[in-house]
Amino acid sequence: QRKRRRLGELKKTLREKIVLYNAIPGCEEKIDTEAACSLCDVILPWEAQGDG
């Protein structure tokens, strides 16, 4: 459960960073926030293994 809470915190931080990045004037490439945050489930394999 601690890992799940940590993952939630990481997703929130990632979302905040993406919003800041997307707000940069003159930056043509924007990041899809939802797509990036859902990748966390794939990128962080320990979450998929559960609390063990």
Protein backbone atom coordinates (compact mmCIF):
# COMPACT_ATOMS: atom_id res chain seq x y z
CA GLN A 1 0.00 0.00 0.00
CA ARG A 2 2.94 2.30 0.67
CA LYS A 3 4.18 1.69 -2.87
CA ARG A 4 0.76 2.55 -4.27
CA ARG A 5 0.75 5.84 -2.33
CA ARG A 6 4.30 6.57 -3.54
CA LEU A 7 3.20 5.89 -7.12
CA GLY A 8 0.34 8.35 -6.66
CA GLU A 9 2.80 10.98 -5.43
CA LEU A 10 5.09 10.34 -8.39
CA LYS A 11 2.21 10.68 -10.84
CA LYS A 12 1.15 13.96 -9.23
CA THR A 13 4.71 15.32 -9.45
CA LEU A 14 5.02 14.14 -13.05
CA ARG A 15 1.72 15.80 -13.93
CA GLU A 16 2.89 19.10 -12.37
CA LYS A 17 6.21 18.98 -14.27
CA ILE A 18 4.42 18.28 -17.56
CA VAL A 19 2.07 21.24 -17.01
CA LEU A 20 5.09 23.48 -16.40
CA TYR A 21 6.86 22.10 -19.49
CA ASN A 22 3.80 22.58 -21.67
CA ALA A 23 3.54 26.20 -20.47
CA ILE A 24 6.98 27.11 -21.86
CA PRO A 25 6.43 29.74 -24.55
CA GLY A 26 7.73 28.78 -27.98
CA CYS A 27 7.86 25.08 -27.17
CA GLU A 28 6.22 23.36 -30.13
CA GLU A 29 6.08 19.82 -28.75
CA LYS A 30 3.59 19.34 -25.95
CA ILE A 31 3.43 16.27 -23.73
CA ASP A 32 0.15 14.38 -23.30
CA THR A 33 -0.24 14.36 -19.52
CA GLU A 34 -2.61 11.39 -19.34
CA ALA A 35 -0.48 9.25 -21.64
CA ALA A 36 2.69 10.01 -19.70
CA CYS A 37 1.09 9.27 -16.33
CA SER A 38 -0.39 5.99 -17.50
CA LEU A 39 3.07 4.93 -18.64
CA CYS A 40 4.10 4.95 -14.96
CA ASP A 41 2.25 1.64 -14.55
CA VAL A 42 4.46 0.09 -17.23
CA ILE A 43 7.71 1.83 -16.37
CA LEU A 44 7.56 0.98 -12.67
CA PRO A 45 7.41 -2.84 -12.65
CA TRP A 46 7.55 -3.16 -8.85
CA GLU A 47 4.02 -1.73 -8.68
CA ALA A 48 2.71 -4.52 -10.91
CA GLN A 49 4.27 -7.10 -8.55
CA GLY A 50 2.20 -5.80 -5.65
CA ASP A 51 3.23 -5.31 -2.05
CA GLY A 52 5.58 -8.16 -1.57
